[in-house]
Amino acid sequence: MRVKIRDIVDAFDCQTDETTVYLNRRTGVIVAISEMEFFAAREKKSLDGYPEWQRENIEIAREILDDEDKGEVYV
């Protein structure tokens, strides 16, 4: 999967102390996940109380946590 270096640089420019940027090496999608979203992902509770956009990020955070030791998908 090809990713424009400019897109990666732009994503890192938008990163804050409360967010971390990840690149999905399979899809080329760059995501920013907040500490709160990682907390929710670790809790593994129902996502019903979260808005749809945040549910997606929490699901991605779960994928990142599952991939953490392998590093096969997210960097």
N, C-alpha and C. Protein backbone atom coordinates (compact mmCIF):
# COMPACT_ATOMS: atom_id res chain seq x y z
N MET A 1 0.84 -1.18 0.00
CA MET A 1 0.00 0.00 0.00
C MET A 1 0.89 1.24 0.00
N ARG A 2 0.66 2.10 -0.94
CA ARG A 2 1.42 3.35 -1.01
C ARG A 2 0.71 4.44 -0.23
N VAL A 3 1.51 5.18 0.51
CA VAL A 3 0.99 6.30 1.28
C VAL A 3 1.88 7.50 0.99
N LYS A 4 1.25 8.63 0.77
CA LYS A 4 2.02 9.84 0.51
C LYS A 4 2.70 10.29 1.80
N ILE A 5 3.96 10.57 1.70
CA ILE A 5 4.72 11.02 2.87
C ILE A 5 4.12 12.32 3.40
N ARG A 6 3.59 13.13 2.52
CA ARG A 6 2.97 14.40 2.94
C ARG A 6 1.78 14.14 3.86
N ASP A 7 1.00 13.09 3.57
CA ASP A 7 -0.15 12.74 4.42
C ASP A 7 0.32 12.33 5.81
N ILE A 8 1.41 11.60 5.86
CA ILE A 8 1.96 11.18 7.16
C ILE A 8 2.46 12.39 7.94
N VAL A 9 3.18 13.27 7.27
CA VAL A 9 3.69 14.47 7.92
C VAL A 9 2.54 15.33 8.43
N ASP A 10 1.52 15.50 7.61
CA ASP A 10 0.35 16.30 8.03
C ASP A 10 -0.31 15.70 9.27
N ALA A 11 -0.43 14.38 9.30
CA ALA A 11 -1.05 13.72 10.45
C ALA A 11 -0.24 13.95 11.71
N PHE A 12 1.07 13.86 11.60
CA PHE A 12 1.92 14.08 12.77
C PHE A 12 1.90 15.54 13.20
N ASP A 13 1.71 16.44 12.28
CA ASP A 13 1.60 17.85 12.63
C ASP A 13 0.35 18.12 13.46
N CYS A 14 -0.68 17.31 13.27
CA CYS A 14 -1.94 17.48 14.00
C CYS A 14 -1.97 16.71 15.31
N GLN A 15 -0.96 15.90 15.55
CA GLN A 15 -0.91 15.10 16.77
C GLN A 15 -0.77 16.00 17.99
N THR A 16 -1.43 15.62 19.08
CA THR A 16 -1.36 16.37 20.33
C THR A 16 -0.82 15.47 21.44
N ASP A 17 -0.73 16.03 22.63
CA ASP A 17 -0.29 15.23 23.78
C ASP A 17 -1.31 14.15 24.13
N GLU A 18 -2.57 14.37 23.77
CA GLU A 18 -3.62 13.41 24.11
C GLU A 18 -3.93 12.43 22.99
N THR A 19 -3.30 12.57 21.84
CA THR A 19 -3.57 11.66 20.72
C THR A 19 -2.28 11.05 20.19
N THR A 20 -2.44 9.90 19.58
CA THR A 20 -1.33 9.23 18.91
C THR A 20 -1.79 8.88 17.51
N VAL A 21 -0.92 9.08 16.55
CA VAL A 21 -1.24 8.83 15.15
C VAL A 21 -0.69 7.46 14.75
N TYR A 22 -1.51 6.71 14.03
CA TYR A 22 -1.12 5.38 13.55
C TYR A 22 -1.40 5.26 12.06
N LEU A 23 -0.58 4.47 11.41
CA LEU A 23 -0.77 4.15 10.00
C LEU A 23 -1.13 2.67 9.89
N ASN A 24 -2.25 2.40 9.24
CA ASN A 24 -2.62 1.02 8.94
C ASN A 24 -1.85 0.62 7.69
N ARG A 25 -0.91 -0.27 7.85
CA ARG A 25 -0.03 -0.65 6.74
C ARG A 25 -0.76 -1.42 5.65
N ARG A 26 -1.88 -2.00 5.95
CA ARG A 26 -2.65 -2.75 4.94
C ARG A 26 -3.50 -1.84 4.08
N THR A 27 -4.12 -0.84 4.72
CA THR A 27 -5.06 0.02 3.99
C THR A 27 -4.49 1.38 3.63
N GLY A 28 -3.43 1.80 4.33
CA GLY A 28 -2.87 3.12 4.11
C GLY A 28 -3.61 4.23 4.84
N VAL A 29 -4.58 3.85 5.66
CA VAL A 29 -5.37 4.83 6.41
C VAL A 29 -4.57 5.30 7.63
N ILE A 30 -4.57 6.60 7.84
CA ILE A 30 -3.91 7.20 8.99
C ILE A 30 -5.00 7.63 9.97
N VAL A 31 -4.84 7.24 11.23
CA VAL A 31 -5.84 7.57 12.25
C VAL A 31 -5.16 8.19 13.46
N ALA A 32 -5.90 9.07 14.12
CA ALA A 32 -5.46 9.65 15.39
C ALA A 32 -6.38 9.12 16.47
N ILE A 33 -5.80 8.48 17.47
CA ILE A 33 -6.57 7.87 18.55
C ILE A 33 -6.22 8.58 19.85
N SER A 34 -7.25 9.00 20.57
CA SER A 34 -7.03 9.72 21.83
C SER A 34 -6.79 8.75 22.98
N GLU A 35 -6.21 9.27 24.04
CA GLU A 35 -6.00 8.47 25.24
C GLU A 35 -7.33 7.96 25.80
N MET A 36 -8.36 8.79 25.73
CA MET A 36 -9.68 8.39 26.21
C MET A 36 -10.22 7.22 25.39
N GLU A 37 -9.97 7.24 24.09
CA GLU A 37 -10.43 6.15 23.23
C GLU A 37 -9.67 4.86 23.54
N PHE A 38 -8.37 4.98 23.83
CA PHE A 38 -7.61 3.80 24.24
C PHE A 38 -8.13 3.27 25.58
N PHE A 39 -8.46 4.17 26.49
CA PHE A 39 -9.01 3.76 27.78
C PHE A 39 -10.30 2.97 27.57
N ALA A 40 -11.18 3.51 26.73
CA ALA A 40 -12.45 2.82 26.44
C ALA A 40 -12.20 1.47 25.78
N ALA A 41 -11.21 1.41 24.91
CA ALA A 41 -10.88 0.15 24.23
C ALA A 41 -10.40 -0.90 25.22
N ARG A 42 -9.63 -0.48 26.20
CA ARG A 42 -9.12 -1.42 27.20
C ARG A 42 -10.23 -1.91 28.12
N GLU A 43 -11.23 -1.08 28.35
CA GLU A 43 -12.35 -1.44 29.23
C GLU A 43 -13.21 -2.55 28.62
N LYS A 44 -13.27 -2.60 27.32
CA LYS A 44 -14.03 -3.62 26.57
C LYS A 44 -15.51 -3.66 26.98
N LYS A 45 -16.05 -2.49 27.28
CA LYS A 45 -17.47 -2.39 27.59
C LYS A 45 -18.25 -2.03 26.33
N SER A 46 -19.55 -1.98 26.46
CA SER A 46 -20.41 -1.60 25.35
C SER A 46 -20.08 -0.18 24.89
N LEU A 47 -20.18 0.03 23.60
CA LEU A 47 -19.89 1.34 23.03
C LEU A 47 -21.15 2.16 22.79
N ASP A 48 -22.27 1.69 23.30
CA ASP A 48 -23.56 2.35 23.05
C ASP A 48 -23.59 3.81 23.49
N GLY A 49 -22.85 4.16 24.51
CA GLY A 49 -22.89 5.52 25.03
C GLY A 49 -22.01 6.51 24.27
N TYR A 50 -21.34 6.04 23.23
CA TYR A 50 -20.43 6.89 22.47
C TYR A 50 -21.04 7.27 21.12
N PRO A 51 -20.70 8.46 20.61
CA PRO A 51 -21.16 8.81 19.27
C PRO A 51 -20.53 7.86 18.23
N GLU A 52 -21.17 7.75 17.08
CA GLU A 52 -20.74 6.81 16.05
C GLU A 52 -19.27 7.00 15.66
N TRP A 53 -18.84 8.25 15.46
CA TRP A 53 -17.45 8.49 15.04
C TRP A 53 -16.47 8.01 16.10
N GLN A 54 -16.86 8.14 17.35
CA GLN A 54 -15.95 7.72 18.42
C GLN A 54 -15.96 6.20 18.58
N ARG A 55 -17.08 5.58 18.30
CA ARG A 55 -17.14 4.12 18.32
C ARG A 55 -16.14 3.54 17.33
N GLU A 56 -16.09 4.14 16.16
CA GLU A 56 -15.15 3.68 15.13
C GLU A 56 -13.71 3.79 15.63
N ASN A 57 -13.39 4.91 16.26
CA ASN A 57 -12.03 5.09 16.78
C ASN A 57 -11.72 4.11 17.90
N ILE A 58 -12.70 3.82 18.74
CA ILE A 58 -12.49 2.86 19.82
C ILE A 58 -12.27 1.46 19.25
N GLU A 59 -13.01 1.12 18.23
CA GLU A 59 -12.81 -0.18 17.57
C GLU A 59 -11.40 -0.25 16.96
N ILE A 60 -10.97 0.83 16.35
CA ILE A 60 -9.61 0.87 15.79
C ILE A 60 -8.59 0.77 16.91
N ALA A 61 -8.85 1.45 18.03
CA ALA A 61 -7.95 1.36 19.18
C ALA A 61 -7.84 -0.08 19.66
N ARG A 62 -8.93 -0.80 19.65
CA ARG A 62 -8.89 -2.22 20.03
C ARG A 62 -8.02 -3.02 19.07
N GLU A 63 -8.15 -2.72 17.78
CA GLU A 63 -7.31 -3.39 16.79
C GLU A 63 -5.83 -3.08 17.03
N ILE A 64 -5.54 -1.82 17.33
CA ILE A 64 -4.16 -1.41 17.59
C ILE A 64 -3.62 -2.14 18.81
N LEU A 65 -4.40 -2.23 19.86
CA LEU A 65 -3.97 -2.92 21.07
C LEU A 65 -3.73 -4.41 20.80
N ASP A 66 -4.59 -5.01 19.99
CA ASP A 66 -4.42 -6.42 19.63
C ASP A 66 -3.16 -6.63 18.80
N ASP A 67 -2.80 -5.64 18.01
CA ASP A 67 -1.65 -5.73 17.11
C ASP A 67 -0.36 -5.24 17.75
N GLU A 68 -0.46 -4.70 18.95
CA GLU A 68 0.66 -4.00 19.60
C GLU A 68 1.96 -4.81 19.63
N ASP A 69 1.89 -6.06 20.02
CA ASP A 69 3.10 -6.87 20.14
C ASP A 69 3.64 -7.33 18.79
N LYS A 70 2.74 -7.50 17.84
CA LYS A 70 3.14 -8.02 16.53
C LYS A 70 3.61 -6.92 15.58
N GLY A 71 2.93 -5.80 15.61
CA GLY A 71 3.27 -4.70 14.72
C GLY A 71 3.07 -5.02 13.26
N GLU A 72 2.13 -5.92 12.99
CA GLU A 72 1.90 -6.33 11.61
C GLU A 72 1.04 -5.35 10.83
N VAL A 73 0.13 -4.69 11.52
CA VAL A 73 -0.82 -3.83 10.82
C VAL A 73 -0.56 -2.35 11.09
N TYR A 74 -0.45 -1.99 12.36
CA TYR A 74 -0.34 -0.57 12.71
C TYR A 74 1.07 -0.18 13.12
N VAL A 75 1.49 0.96 12.61
CA VAL A 75 2.77 1.56 13.01
C VAL A 75 2.53 3.01 13.33
